[in-house]
C-alpha atoms as a PDB file:
ATOM      1  CA  UNK A   1     -17.425  13.712  10.638  1.00  0.00           C
ATOM      2  CA  UNK A   2     -19.510  11.088   8.827  1.00  0.00           C
ATOM      3  CA  UNK A   3     -19.210   7.331   9.187  1.00  0.00           C
ATOM      4  CA  UNK A   4     -17.524   7.000   5.801  1.00  0.00           C
ATOM      5  CA  UNK A   5     -14.747   9.412   6.857  1.00  0.00           C
ATOM      6  CA  UNK A   6     -14.357   7.416  10.096  1.00  0.00           C
ATOM      7  CA  UNK A   7     -13.720   4.192   8.184  1.00  0.00           C
ATOM      8  CA  UNK A   8     -11.802   5.821   5.295  1.00  0.00           C
ATOM      9  CA  UNK A   9      -8.770   8.056   5.564  1.00  0.00           C
ATOM     10  CA  UNK A  10      -8.221  10.445   2.645  1.00  0.00           C
ATOM     11  CA  UNK A  11      -4.616  11.382   1.904  1.00  0.00           C
ATOM     12  CA  UNK A  12      -3.206  13.789  -0.696  1.00  0.00           C
ATOM     13  CA  UNK A  13       0.416  12.820  -1.359  1.00  0.00           C
ATOM     14  CA  UNK A  14       3.063  14.874  -3.148  1.00  0.00           C
ATOM     15  CA  UNK A  15       5.586  12.077  -3.667  1.00  0.00           C
ATOM     16  CA  UNK A  16       8.607  14.228  -4.476  1.00  0.00           C
ATOM     17  CA  UNK A  17      12.210  13.345  -5.287  1.00  0.00           C
ATOM     18  CA  UNK A  18      13.482  15.578  -2.454  1.00  0.00           C
ATOM     19  CA  UNK A  19      10.495  15.821  -0.069  1.00  0.00           C
ATOM     20  CA  UNK A  20       7.243  13.960   0.464  1.00  0.00           C
ATOM     21  CA  UNK A  21       4.290  15.980   1.715  1.00  0.00           C
ATOM     22  CA  UNK A  22       1.045  14.386   2.927  1.00  0.00           C
ATOM     23  CA  UNK A  23      -2.132  16.378   3.575  1.00  0.00           C
ATOM     24  CA  UNK A  24      -5.045  14.964   5.590  1.00  0.00           C
ATOM     25  CA  UNK A  25      -8.189  16.997   6.360  1.00  0.00           C
ATOM     26  CA  UNK A  26      -6.627  20.188   4.888  1.00  0.00           C
ATOM     27  CA  UNK A  27      -3.621  19.944   7.242  1.00  0.00           C
ATOM     28  CA  UNK A  28      -0.030  19.151   6.301  1.00  0.00           C
ATOM     29  CA  UNK A  29       0.529  16.091   8.507  1.00  0.00           C
ATOM     30  CA  UNK A  30       3.847  14.949   6.973  1.00  0.00           C
ATOM     31  CA  UNK A  31       6.567  17.111   5.384  1.00  0.00           C
ATOM     32  CA  UNK A  32       9.707  14.980   5.356  1.00  0.00           C
ATOM     33  CA  UNK A  33      12.711  14.313   3.097  1.00  0.00           C
ATOM     34  CA  UNK A  34      12.108  11.396   0.680  1.00  0.00           C
ATOM     35  CA  UNK A  35      14.694   9.060   2.158  1.00  0.00           C
ATOM     36  CA  UNK A  36      14.711   5.789   4.111  1.00  0.00           C
ATOM     37  CA  UNK A  37      17.309   3.937   6.193  1.00  0.00           C
ATOM     38  CA  UNK A  38      17.170   0.137   5.857  1.00  0.00           C
ATOM     39  CA  UNK A  39      18.869  -2.660   7.786  1.00  0.00           C
ATOM     40  CA  UNK A  40      20.978  -4.503   5.192  1.00  0.00           C
ATOM     41  CA  UNK A  41      20.718  -7.874   7.009  1.00  0.00           C
ATOM     42  CA  UNK A  42      16.972  -8.015   7.624  1.00  0.00           C
ATOM     43  CA  UNK A  43      15.674  -5.572   4.986  1.00  0.00           C
ATOM     44  CA  UNK A  44      13.595  -3.837   7.674  1.00  0.00           C
ATOM     45  CA  UNK A  45      12.967  -0.108   7.880  1.00  0.00           C
ATOM     46  CA  UNK A  46      15.105   1.638  10.521  1.00  0.00           C
ATOM     47  CA  UNK A  47      14.165   5.282   9.891  1.00  0.00           C
ATOM     48  CA  UNK A  48      12.233   7.391   7.423  1.00  0.00           C
ATOM     49  CA  UNK A  49      12.241  11.088   6.529  1.00  0.00           C
ATOM     50  CA  UNK A  50      14.307  13.506   8.596  1.00  0.00           C
ATOM     51  CA  UNK A  51      15.761  10.793  10.870  1.00  0.00           C
ATOM     52  CA  UNK A  52      16.988   8.872   7.808  1.00  0.00           C
ATOM     53  CA  UNK A  53      18.380  12.103   6.287  1.00  0.00           C
ATOM     54  CA  UNK A  54      20.501  12.670   9.397  1.00  0.00           C
ATOM     55  CA  UNK A  55      22.041   9.225   8.776  1.00  0.00           C
ATOM     56  CA  UNK A  56      22.674   9.899   5.054  1.00  0.00           C
ATOM     57  CA  UNK A  57      26.381   9.703   4.237  1.00  0.00           C
ATOM     58  CA  UNK A  58      27.230   8.622   7.804  1.00  0.00           C
ATOM     59  CA  UNK A  59      26.227   4.946   7.831  1.00  0.00           C
ATOM     60  CA  UNK A  60      28.214   1.738   8.358  1.00  0.00           C
ATOM     61  CA  UNK A  61      27.903  -1.390   6.212  1.00  0.00           C
ATOM     62  CA  UNK A  62      24.819  -2.773   8.037  1.00  0.00           C
ATOM     63  CA  UNK A  63      22.708   0.339   7.344  1.00  0.00           C
ATOM     64  CA  UNK A  64      21.887   1.694   3.907  1.00  0.00           C
ATOM     65  CA  UNK A  65      20.168   5.015   3.215  1.00  0.00           C
ATOM     66  CA  UNK A  66      18.127   5.066   0.009  1.00  0.00           C
ATOM     67  CA  UNK A  67      16.350   7.845  -1.852  1.00  0.00           C
ATOM     68  CA  UNK A  68      13.597   5.808  -3.557  1.00  0.00           C
ATOM     69  CA  UNK A  69      12.826   8.462  -6.182  1.00  0.00           C
ATOM     70  CA  UNK A  70      15.177   9.717  -8.873  1.00  0.00           C
ATOM     71  CA  UNK A  71      14.253  12.326 -11.480  1.00  0.00           C
ATOM     72  CA  UNK A  72      10.661  12.409 -10.219  1.00  0.00           C
ATOM     73  CA  UNK A  73      10.012   8.682 -10.652  1.00  0.00           C
ATOM     74  CA  UNK A  74      10.394   5.591  -8.483  1.00  0.00           C
ATOM     75  CA  UNK A  75      13.873   4.101  -8.832  1.00  0.00           C
ATOM     76  CA  UNK A  76      13.641   1.605  -5.950  1.00  0.00           C
ATOM     77  CA  UNK A  77      10.221  -0.044  -5.725  1.00  0.00           C
ATOM     78  CA  UNK A  78      10.735  -1.760  -2.337  1.00  0.00           C
ATOM     79  CA  UNK A  79      12.210   1.362  -0.657  1.00  0.00           C
ATOM     80  CA  UNK A  80       9.347   3.519  -2.029  1.00  0.00           C
ATOM     81  CA  UNK A  81       6.768   1.156  -0.532  1.00  0.00           C
ATOM     82  CA  UNK A  82       8.571   1.163   2.850  1.00  0.00           C
ATOM     83  CA  UNK A  83       8.798   4.971   2.737  1.00  0.00           C
ATOM     84  CA  UNK A  84       5.078   5.469   1.997  1.00  0.00           C
ATOM     85  CA  UNK A  85       4.142   2.965   4.729  1.00  0.00           C
ATOM     86  CA  UNK A  86       6.502   4.654   7.220  1.00  0.00           C
ATOM     87  CA  UNK A  87       5.110   8.122   6.491  1.00  0.00           C
ATOM     88  CA  UNK A  88       1.502   6.930   6.779  1.00  0.00           C
ATOM     89  CA  UNK A  89       2.418   5.411  10.179  1.00  0.00           C
ATOM     90  CA  UNK A  90       3.591   8.897  11.278  1.00  0.00           C
ATOM     91  CA  UNK A  91       0.011  10.146  10.797  1.00  0.00           C
ATOM     92  CA  UNK A  92      -1.589   7.132  12.504  1.00  0.00           C
ATOM     93  CA  UNK A  93       0.753   7.105  15.509  1.00  0.00           C
ATOM     94  CA  UNK A  94      -2.184   7.049  17.971  1.00  0.00           C
ATOM     95  CA  UNK A  95      -3.519   3.543  18.708  1.00  0.00           C
ATOM     96  CA  UNK A  96      -6.786   2.713  16.888  1.00  0.00           C
ATOM     97  CA  UNK A  97      -9.319  -0.100  17.188  1.00  0.00           C
ATOM     98  CA  UNK A  98      -8.943  -0.779  13.460  1.00  0.00           C
ATOM     99  CA  UNK A  99      -6.921   0.455  10.510  1.00  0.00           C
ATOM    100  CA  UNK A 100      -8.950   2.748   8.212  1.00  0.00           C
ATOM    101  CA  UNK A 101      -8.900   2.037   4.489  1.00  0.00           C
ATOM    102  CA  UNK A 102      -6.866   4.608   2.568  1.00  0.00           C
ATOM    103  CA  UNK A 103      -8.064   6.727  -0.323  1.00  0.00           C
ATOM    104  CA  UNK A 104      -5.100   8.480  -1.939  1.00  0.00           C
ATOM    105  CA  UNK A 105      -4.383  10.992  -4.655  1.00  0.00           C
ATOM    106  CA  UNK A 106      -0.706  10.934  -5.637  1.00  0.00           C
ATOM    107  CA  UNK A 107       0.870  13.386  -8.071  1.00  0.00           C
ATOM    108  CA  UNK A 108       3.186  12.271 -10.887  1.00  0.00           C
ATOM    109  CA  UNK A 109       5.382  14.137 -13.413  1.00  0.00           C
ATOM    110  CA  UNK A 110       3.569  15.016 -16.645  1.00  0.00           C
ATOM    111  CA  UNK A 111       6.218  13.188 -18.701  1.00  0.00           C
ATOM    112  CA  UNK A 112       5.808   9.858 -16.839  1.00  0.00           C
ATOM    113  CA  UNK A 113       5.731   6.691 -18.952  1.00  0.00           C
ATOM    114  CA  UNK A 114       3.105   3.970 -18.393  1.00  0.00           C
ATOM    115  CA  UNK A 115       5.707   1.864 -16.546  1.00  0.00           C
ATOM    116  CA  UNK A 116       6.551   4.776 -14.199  1.00  0.00           C
ATOM    117  CA  UNK A 117       2.845   5.465 -13.584  1.00  0.00           C
ATOM    118  CA  UNK A 118       2.297   1.772 -12.794  1.00  0.00           C
ATOM    119  CA  UNK A 119       5.208   1.822 -10.307  1.00  0.00           C
ATOM    120  CA  UNK A 120       3.650   4.748  -8.369  1.00  0.00           C
ATOM    121  CA  UNK A 121       0.214   3.086  -8.356  1.00  0.00           C
ATOM    122  CA  UNK A 122       1.602  -0.309  -7.260  1.00  0.00           C
ATOM    123  CA  UNK A 123       3.779   1.198  -4.485  1.00  0.00           C
ATOM    124  CA  UNK A 124       0.787   3.162  -3.161  1.00  0.00           C
ATOM    125  CA  UNK A 125      -1.496   0.102  -3.259  1.00  0.00           C
ATOM    126  CA  UNK A 126       1.106  -2.117  -1.546  1.00  0.00           C
ATOM    127  CA  UNK A 127       1.480   0.555   1.161  1.00  0.00           C
ATOM    128  CA  UNK A 128      -2.232   0.167   1.990  1.00  0.00           C
ATOM    129  CA  UNK A 129      -4.078   2.357  -0.530  1.00  0.00           C
ATOM    130  CA  UNK A 130      -7.498   0.939  -1.411  1.00  0.00           C
ATOM    131  CA  UNK A 131      -8.410   3.634  -3.942  1.00  0.00           C
ATOM    132  CA  UNK A 132      -5.386   5.245  -5.597  1.00  0.00           C
ATOM    133  CA  UNK A 133      -5.782   8.144  -8.047  1.00  0.00           C
ATOM    134  CA  UNK A 134      -2.998   9.943  -9.873  1.00  0.00           C
ATOM    135  CA  UNK A 135      -2.823  13.590 -10.959  1.00  0.00           C
ATOM    136  CA  UNK A 136      -0.175  15.385 -13.017  1.00  0.00           C
ATOM    137  CA  UNK A 137       2.093  17.730 -11.026  1.00  0.00           C
ATOM    138  CA  UNK A 138       1.659  20.915 -13.138  1.00  0.00           C
ATOM    139  CA  UNK A 139      -2.140  20.564 -12.893  1.00  0.00           C
ATOM    140  CA  UNK A 140      -1.941  20.032  -9.107  1.00  0.00           C
ATOM    141  CA  UNK A 141       0.415  23.037  -8.776  1.00  0.00           C
ATOM    142  CA  UNK A 142      -1.991  25.237 -10.792  1.00  0.00           C
ATOM    143  CA  UNK A 143      -4.936  24.221  -8.573  1.00  0.00           C
ATOM    144  CA  UNK A 144      -2.806  24.796  -5.447  1.00  0.00           C
ATOM    145  CA  UNK A 145      -1.830  28.304  -6.567  1.00  0.00           C
ATOM    146  CA  UNK A 146      -5.510  29.147  -7.083  1.00  0.00           C
ATOM    147  CA  UNK A 147      -5.705  29.146 -10.880  1.00  0.00           C
ATOM    148  CA  UNK A 148      -9.110  28.294 -12.367  1.00  0.00           C
ATOM    149  CA  UNK A 149      -7.921  25.366 -14.508  1.00  0.00           C
ATOM    150  CA  UNK A 150     -11.320  24.960 -16.213  1.00  0.00           C
ATOM    151  CA  UNK A 151     -11.447  28.568 -17.459  1.00  0.00           C
ATOM    152  CA  UNK A 152     -11.302  29.168 -21.240  1.00  0.00           C
ATOM    153  CA  UNK A 153      -8.015  31.082 -21.051  1.00  0.00           C
ATOM    154  CA  UNK A 154      -4.391  29.976 -20.866  1.00  0.00           C
ATOM    155  CA  UNK A 155      -2.265  29.726 -17.740  1.00  0.00           C
ATOM    156  CA  UNK A 156       1.359  28.681 -17.674  1.00  0.00           C
ATOM    157  CA  UNK A 157       3.056  26.978 -14.756  1.00  0.00           C
ATOM    158  CA  UNK A 158       6.724  26.179 -14.140  1.00  0.00           C
ATOM    159  CA  UNK A 159       7.166  23.685 -11.287  1.00  0.00           C
ATOM    160  CA  UNK A 160      10.853  23.400 -10.341  1.00  0.00           C
ATOM    161  CA  UNK A 161      10.904  20.353  -8.073  1.00  0.00           C
ATOM    162  CA  UNK A 162      13.657  18.107  -6.762  1.00  0.00           C
ATOM    163  CA  UNK A 163      14.051  15.734  -9.697  1.00  0.00           C
ATOM    164  CA  UNK A 164      12.173  17.355 -12.585  1.00  0.00           C
ATOM    165  CA  UNK A 165      11.098  20.765 -13.824  1.00  0.00           C
ATOM    166  CA  UNK A 166       7.543  20.583 -15.148  1.00  0.00           C
ATOM    167  CA  UNK A 167       6.424  23.267 -17.586  1.00  0.00           C
ATOM    168  CA  UNK A 168       2.819  23.258 -18.804  1.00  0.00           C
ATOM    169  CA  UNK A 169       0.201  25.443 -20.463  1.00  0.00           C
ATOM    170  CA  UNK A 170      -3.242  24.731 -18.995  1.00  0.00           C
ATOM    171  CA  UNK A 171      -6.656  25.669 -20.408  1.00  0.00           C
ATOM    172  CA  UNK A 172     -10.198  24.234 -20.176  1.00  0.00           C
ATOM    173  CA  UNK A 173      -9.211  21.633 -17.585  1.00  0.00           C
ATOM    174  CA  UNK A 174      -6.406  20.068 -19.607  1.00  0.00           C
ATOM    175  CA  UNK A 175      -2.715  20.366 -20.413  1.00  0.00           C
ATOM    176  CA  UNK A 176      -2.395  21.925 -23.882  1.00  0.00           C
ATOM    177  CA  UNK A 177       1.386  21.537 -24.190  1.00  0.00           C
ATOM    178  CA  UNK A 178       4.056  20.588 -21.714  1.00  0.00           C
ATOM    179  CA  UNK A 179       7.696  19.724 -21.217  1.00  0.00           C
ATOM    180  CA  UNK A 180       9.243  17.714 -18.391  1.00  0.00           C
ATOM    181  CA  UNK A 181      13.023  18.018 -18.027  1.00  0.00           C
ATOM    182  CA  UNK A 182      15.230  16.222 -15.541  1.00  0.00           C
ATOM    183  CA  UNK A 183      17.019  19.354 -14.383  1.00  0.00           C
ATOM    184  CA  UNK A 184      15.866  20.691 -11.019  1.00  0.00           C
ATOM    185  CA  UNK A 185      16.904  20.896  -7.344  1.00  0.00           C
ATOM    186  CA  UNK A 186      18.946  17.666  -7.397  1.00  0.00           C
ATOM    187  CA  UNK A 187      20.747  18.860 -10.527  1.00  0.00           C
ATOM    188  CA  UNK A 188      21.599  22.160  -8.799  1.00  0.00           C
ATOM    189  CA  UNK A 189      23.000  20.208  -5.809  1.00  0.00           C
ATOM    190  CA  UNK A 190      25.144  18.045  -8.125  1.00  0.00           C
ATOM    191  CA  UNK A 191      26.378  21.211  -9.917  1.00  0.00           C
ATOM    192  CA  UNK A 192      27.526  22.663  -6.572  1.00  0.00           C
ATOM    193  CA  UNK A 193      29.347  19.434  -5.633  1.00  0.00           C
ATOM    194  CA  UNK A 194      31.093  19.377  -9.018  1.00  0.00           C
ATOM    195  CA  UNK A 195      31.990  23.098  -8.805  1.00  0.00           C
ATOM    196  CA  UNK A 196      33.544  22.711  -5.335  1.00  0.00           C
ATOM    197  CA  UNK A 197      35.580  19.751  -6.577  1.00  0.00           C
ATOM    198  CA  UNK A 198      36.839  21.426  -9.762  1.00  0.00           C
ATOM    199  CA  UNK A 199      37.307  25.037  -8.619  1.00  0.00           C
ATOM    200  CA  UNK A 200      38.335  24.613  -4.978  1.00  0.00           C
ATOM    201  CA  UNK A 201      39.601  20.997  -4.757  1.00  0.00           C
ATOM    202  CA  UNK A 202      37.186  20.350  -1.882  1.00  0.00           C
ATOM    203  CA  UNK A 203      35.144  17.178  -1.607  1.00  0.00           C
ATOM    204  CA  UNK A 204      31.669  17.813  -0.167  1.00  0.00           C
ATOM    205  CA  UNK A 205      28.680  15.551   0.374  1.00  0.00           C
ATOM    206  CA  UNK A 206      25.120  15.912  -0.879  1.00  0.00           C
ATOM    207  CA  UNK A 207      23.862  17.377   2.416  1.00  0.00           C
ATOM    208  CA  UNK A 208      26.558  20.088   2.468  1.00  0.00           C
ATOM    209  CA  UNK A 209      25.822  20.992  -1.177  1.00  0.00           C
ATOM    210  CA  UNK A 210      22.118  21.207  -0.291  1.00  0.00           C
ATOM    211  CA  UNK A 211      22.912  23.568   2.623  1.00  0.00           C
ATOM    212  CA  UNK A 212      25.038  25.769   0.315  1.00  0.00           C
ATOM    213  CA  UNK A 213      22.121  25.931  -2.149  1.00  0.00           C
ATOM    214  CA  UNK A 214      19.674  26.940   0.606  1.00  0.00           C
ATOM    215  CA  UNK A 215      21.974  29.490   2.296  1.00  0.00           C
ATOM    216  CA  UNK A 216      23.650  31.191  -0.706  1.00  0.00           C
ATOM    217  CA  UNK A 217      21.856  29.771  -3.761  1.00  0.00           C
ATOM    218  CA  UNK A 218      21.129  32.406  -6.401  1.00  0.00           C
ATOM    219  CA  UNK A 219      20.117  32.573 -10.052  1.00  0.00           C
ATOM    220  CA  UNK A 220      21.671  36.038 -10.528  1.00  0.00           C
ATOM    221  CA  UNK A 221      25.169  37.359  -9.698  1.00  0.00           C
ATOM    222  CA  UNK A 222      23.635  40.676  -8.580  1.00  0.00           C
ATOM    223  CA  UNK A 223      20.664  40.669  -6.180  1.00  0.00           C
ATOM    224  CA  UNK A 224      19.156  43.315  -3.880  1.00  0.00           C
ATOM    225  CA  UNK A 225      19.638  41.734  -0.430  1.00  0.00           C
ATOM    226  CA  UNK A 226      22.616  39.370  -0.776  1.00  0.00           C
ATOM    227  CA  UNK A 227      23.104  36.609   1.828  1.00  0.00           C
ATOM    228  CA  UNK A 228      26.301  36.311   3.864  1.00  0.00           C
ATOM    229  CA  UNK A 229      29.006  33.972   2.580  1.00  0.00           C
ATOM    230  CA  UNK A 230      28.649  30.345   3.609  1.00  0.00           C
ATOM    231  CA  UNK A 231      31.668  28.690   5.253  1.00  0.00           C
ATOM    232  CA  UNK A 232      32.407  25.296   3.674  1.00  0.00           C
ATOM    233  CA  UNK A 233      34.534  22.759   5.522  1.00  0.00           C
ATOM    234  CA  UNK A 234      35.867  19.620   3.894  1.00  0.00           C
ATOM    235  CA  UNK A 235      38.960  17.627   2.878  1.00  0.00           C
ATOM    236  CA  UNK A 236      41.333  18.872   0.183  1.00  0.00           C
ATOM    237  CA  UNK A 237      41.236  16.366  -2.697  1.00  0.00           C
ATOM    238  CA  UNK A 238      45.014  16.454  -3.165  1.00  0.00           C
ATOM    239  CA  UNK A 239      46.263  16.374   0.432  1.00  0.00           C
ATOM    240  CA  UNK A 240      43.198  15.132   2.420  1.00  0.00           C
ATOM    241  CA  UNK A 241      43.955  17.995   4.868  1.00  0.00           C
ATOM    242  CA  UNK A 242      40.940  19.934   6.232  1.00  0.00           C
ATOM    243  CA  UNK A 243      40.025  23.115   4.349  1.00  0.00           C
ATOM    244  CA  UNK A 244      37.732  25.983   5.359  1.00  0.00           C
ATOM    245  CA  UNK A 245      36.504  28.349   2.666  1.00  0.00           C
ATOM    246  CA  UNK A 246      33.811  31.063   2.309  1.00  0.00           C
ATOM    247  CA  UNK A 247      31.487  30.661  -0.678  1.00  0.00           C
ATOM    248  CA  UNK A 248      29.540  33.654  -2.016  1.00  0.00           C
ATOM    249  CA  UNK A 249      26.180  33.734  -3.786  1.00  0.00           C
ATOM    250  CA  UNK A 250      27.938  35.089  -6.942  1.00  0.00           C
ATOM    251  CA  UNK A 251      29.948  31.871  -7.205  1.00  0.00           C
ATOM    252  CA  UNK A 252      26.803  29.753  -6.897  1.00  0.00           C
ATOM    253  CA  UNK A 253      25.013  31.906  -9.507  1.00  0.00           C
ATOM    254  CA  UNK A 254      27.908  31.233 -11.901  1.00  0.00           C
ATOM    255  CA  UNK A 255      27.892  27.513 -11.039  1.00  0.00           C
ATOM    256  CA  UNK A 256      24.101  27.104 -11.638  1.00  0.00           C
ATOM    257  CA  UNK A 257      24.059  29.208 -14.814  1.00  0.00           C
ATOM    258  CA  UNK A 258      24.169  26.267 -17.249  1.00  0.00           C
ATOM    259  CA  UNK A 259      21.316  24.349 -15.590  1.00  0.00           C
ATOM    260  CA  UNK A 260      19.074  27.433 -15.355  1.00  0.00           C
ATOM    261  CA  UNK A 261      19.767  28.138 -19.061  1.00  0.00           C
ATOM    262  CA  UNK A 262      18.386  24.661 -19.869  1.00  0.00           C
ATOM    263  CA  UNK A 263      15.204  25.484 -17.924  1.00  0.00           C
ATOM    264  CA  UNK A 264      14.913  28.755 -19.907  1.00  0.00           C
ATOM    265  CA  UNK A 265      15.248  26.800 -23.178  1.00  0.00           C
ATOM    266  CA  UNK A 266      12.529  24.353 -22.085  1.00  0.00           C
ATOM    267  CA  UNK A 267      10.171  27.256 -21.241  1.00  0.00           C
ATOM    268  CA  UNK A 268      10.789  28.768 -24.703  1.00  0.00           C
ATOM    269  CA  UNK A 269      10.115  25.352 -26.322  1.00  0.00           C
ATOM    270  CA  UNK A 270       6.695  25.178 -24.605  1.00  0.00           C
ATOM    271  CA  UNK A 271       5.911  28.781 -25.580  1.00  0.00           C
ATOM    272  CA  UNK A 272       6.723  27.911 -29.217  1.00  0.00           C
ATOM    273  CA  UNK A 273       4.124  25.105 -29.103  1.00  0.00           C
ATOM    274  CA  UNK A 274       1.462  27.310 -27.447  1.00  0.00           C
ATOM    275  CA  UNK A 275      -1.515  28.348 -29.640  1.00  0.00           C
ATOM    276  CA  UNK A 276      -1.514  32.145 -30.312  1.00  0.00           C
ATOM    277  CA  UNK A 277      -4.708  32.905 -28.325  1.00  0.00           C
ATOM    278  CA  UNK A 278      -3.361  31.152 -25.234  1.00  0.00           C
ATOM    279  CA  UNK A 279       0.052  32.797 -25.732  1.00  0.00           C
ATOM    280  CA  UNK A 280      -1.665  36.206 -25.517  1.00  0.00           C
ATOM    281  CA  UNK A 281      -3.328  35.191 -22.216  1.00  0.00           C
ATOM    282  CA  UNK A 282       0.040  34.096 -20.791  1.00  0.00           C
ATOM    283  CA  UNK A 283       1.734  37.387 -21.778  1.00  0.00           C
ATOM    284  CA  UNK A 284      -1.099  39.336 -20.078  1.00  0.00           C
ATOM    285  CA  UNK A 285      -1.190  37.298 -16.863  1.00  0.00           C
ATOM    286  CA  UNK A 286       2.428  36.185 -16.561  1.00  0.00           C
ATOM    287  CA  UNK A 287       3.875  32.772 -15.713  1.00  0.00           C
ATOM    288  CA  UNK A 288       3.651  31.157 -12.260  1.00  0.00           C
ATOM    289  CA  UNK A 289       6.627  29.423 -10.615  1.00  0.00           C
ATOM    290  CA  UNK A 290       6.112  26.734  -7.957  1.00  0.00           C
ATOM    291  CA  UNK A 291       8.217  24.022  -6.316  1.00  0.00           C
ATOM    292  CA  UNK A 292      11.287  24.273  -4.089  1.00  0.00           C
ATOM    293  CA  UNK A 293      13.364  25.682  -6.965  1.00  0.00           C
ATOM    294  CA  UNK A 294      11.174  28.829  -6.893  1.00  0.00           C
ATOM    295  CA  UNK A 295      12.966  29.724  -3.616  1.00  0.00           C
ATOM    296  CA  UNK A 296      16.272  30.200  -5.477  1.00  0.00           C
ATOM    297  CA  UNK A 297      17.114  33.897  -5.084  1.00  0.00           C
ATOM    298  CA  UNK A 298      16.446  36.016  -8.186  1.00  0.00           C
ATOM    299  CA  UNK A 299      15.036  33.187 -10.329  1.00  0.00           C
ATOM    300  CA  UNK A 300      11.861  35.150 -11.168  1.00  0.00           C
ATOM    301  CA  UNK A 301      13.860  38.230 -12.246  1.00  0.00           C
ATOM    302  CA  UNK A 302      16.278  36.167 -14.336  1.00  0.00           C
ATOM    303  CA  UNK A 303      13.467  34.343 -16.184  1.00  0.00           C
ATOM    304  CA  UNK A 304      11.476  37.599 -16.674  1.00  0.00           C
ATOM    305  CA  UNK A 305      14.524  39.352 -18.170  1.00  0.00           C
ATOM    306  CA  UNK A 306      15.287  36.417 -20.468  1.00  0.00           C
ATOM    307  CA  UNK A 307      11.764  35.671 -21.739  1.00  0.00           C
ATOM    308  CA  UNK A 308      10.174  39.168 -21.509  1.00  0.00           C
ATOM    309  CA  UNK A 309       7.099  37.823 -19.718  1.00  0.00           C
ATOM    310  CA  UNK A 310       6.544  38.540 -15.984  1.00  0.00           C
ATOM    311  CA  UNK A 311       7.130  35.569 -13.666  1.00  0.00           C
ATOM    312  CA  UNK A 312       5.266  35.294 -10.340  1.00  0.00           C
ATOM    313  CA  UNK A 313       6.468  33.085  -7.476  1.00  0.00           C
ATOM    314  CA  UNK A 314       3.596  31.208  -5.786  1.00  0.00           C
ATOM    315  CA  UNK A 315       2.737  32.230  -2.212  1.00  0.00           C
ATOM    316  CA  UNK A 316       3.891  28.897  -0.724  1.00  0.00           C
ATOM    317  CA  UNK A 317       5.835  27.309  -3.611  1.00  0.00           C
ATOM    318  CA  UNK A 318       7.050  24.258  -1.649  1.00  0.00           C
ATOM    319  CA  UNK A 319       3.508  23.132  -0.801  1.00  0.00           C
ATOM    320  CA  UNK A 320       1.604  24.306  -3.922  1.00  0.00           C
ATOM    321  CA  UNK A 321       1.535  20.821  -5.536  1.00  0.00           C
ATOM    322  CA  UNK A 322       0.461  19.108  -2.277  1.00  0.00           C
ATOM    323  CA  UNK A 323      -2.288  21.686  -1.641  1.00  0.00           C
ATOM    324  CA  UNK A 324      -3.568  21.311  -5.209  1.00  0.00           C
ATOM    325  CA  UNK A 325      -3.614  17.525  -4.788  1.00  0.00           C
ATOM    326  CA  UNK A 326      -5.616  17.938  -1.551  1.00  0.00           C
ATOM    327  CA  UNK A 327      -8.146  20.239  -3.289  1.00  0.00           C
ATOM    328  CA  UNK A 328      -8.512  17.704  -6.141  1.00  0.00           C
ATOM    329  CA  UNK A 329      -9.123  14.923  -3.581  1.00  0.00           C
ATOM    330  CA  UNK A 330     -11.665  16.972  -1.631  1.00  0.00           C
ATOM    331  CA  UNK A 331     -13.573  17.857  -4.818  1.00  0.00           C
ATOM    332  CA  UNK A 332     -13.019  14.497  -6.508  1.00  0.00           C
ATOM    333  CA  UNK A 333     -16.377  14.638  -8.367  1.00  0.00           C
ATOM    334  CA  UNK A 334     -15.554  18.014  -9.959  1.00  0.00           C
ATOM    335  CA  UNK A 335     -11.946  17.100 -10.747  1.00  0.00           C
ATOM    336  CA  UNK A 336     -12.489  13.446 -11.750  1.00  0.00           C
ATOM    337  CA  UNK A 337     -11.506  14.313 -15.350  1.00  0.00           C
ATOM    338  CA  UNK A 338      -8.007  15.263 -14.107  1.00  0.00           C
ATOM    339  CA  UNK A 339      -7.357  11.998 -12.278  1.00  0.00           C
ATOM    340  CA  UNK A 340      -6.439   8.600 -13.629  1.00  0.00           C
END
């Protein structure tokens, strides 16, 4: 370890709507939900990550839980800064003689406006970042999967995250055409909450809907190894009496159908904009899916059947963007053209 690495700490940050992942020295050092708990009276941070998630929906008036990111972008500037600071403190929990200066690469949605980009940069700098670089999520995901982004042939990536689904065609180290839609994991969770309310008259919270999505979430009503039904407990909307009900993966497939159809339409829109030579490359190689949404059962088969191009789920879809960001940081000289 050189002197420069002793005085400077390099962090690759996937600042996600649902989860924030930080990689330092090729190791995932933080993988926590993007949520903070704040004391309403003093404005101080009480908990961050998993501890704050356990408080979500269970707080009294003096404690507020905040998800600083909505639809892939910072919605609460102060909470985002507190969250980044809190997560960096998790890494530097051992006492040090001095605080190292931070060099960060943070990934942002490809459809971010200048104001949204500025918010990410400012939050990162206020949290202690001396050098802050930004990289687009689809590009980071492609690098993380192992795609040669500088090659003279087309690759297509679909990154289904928490707040946004990023779809991009990449060739020669740049994004040729892309689409960023605000339908992703959070949208699926909201769909489940709405479905339970309308179809079963049960009121459920965000955490319960998230658990349903993880345990019985499916993109198809007919899959090879179906999961067992998930037992939902909650109050009846009409009587407020407790209700217990099994929910099957077929019901969730039906409930998520509309949102997945919108993702299919967005993929077709990007394919329409793709130059013919690159389109041929994509048909030959297939399309890669990354992000937490790639873990939805049967999503690759559903998209393949709809679009007639094979879809491949990345080896570790949840961490593909973070790993790509870490590779870009490690080889900053080679990938400087990707960062802003």
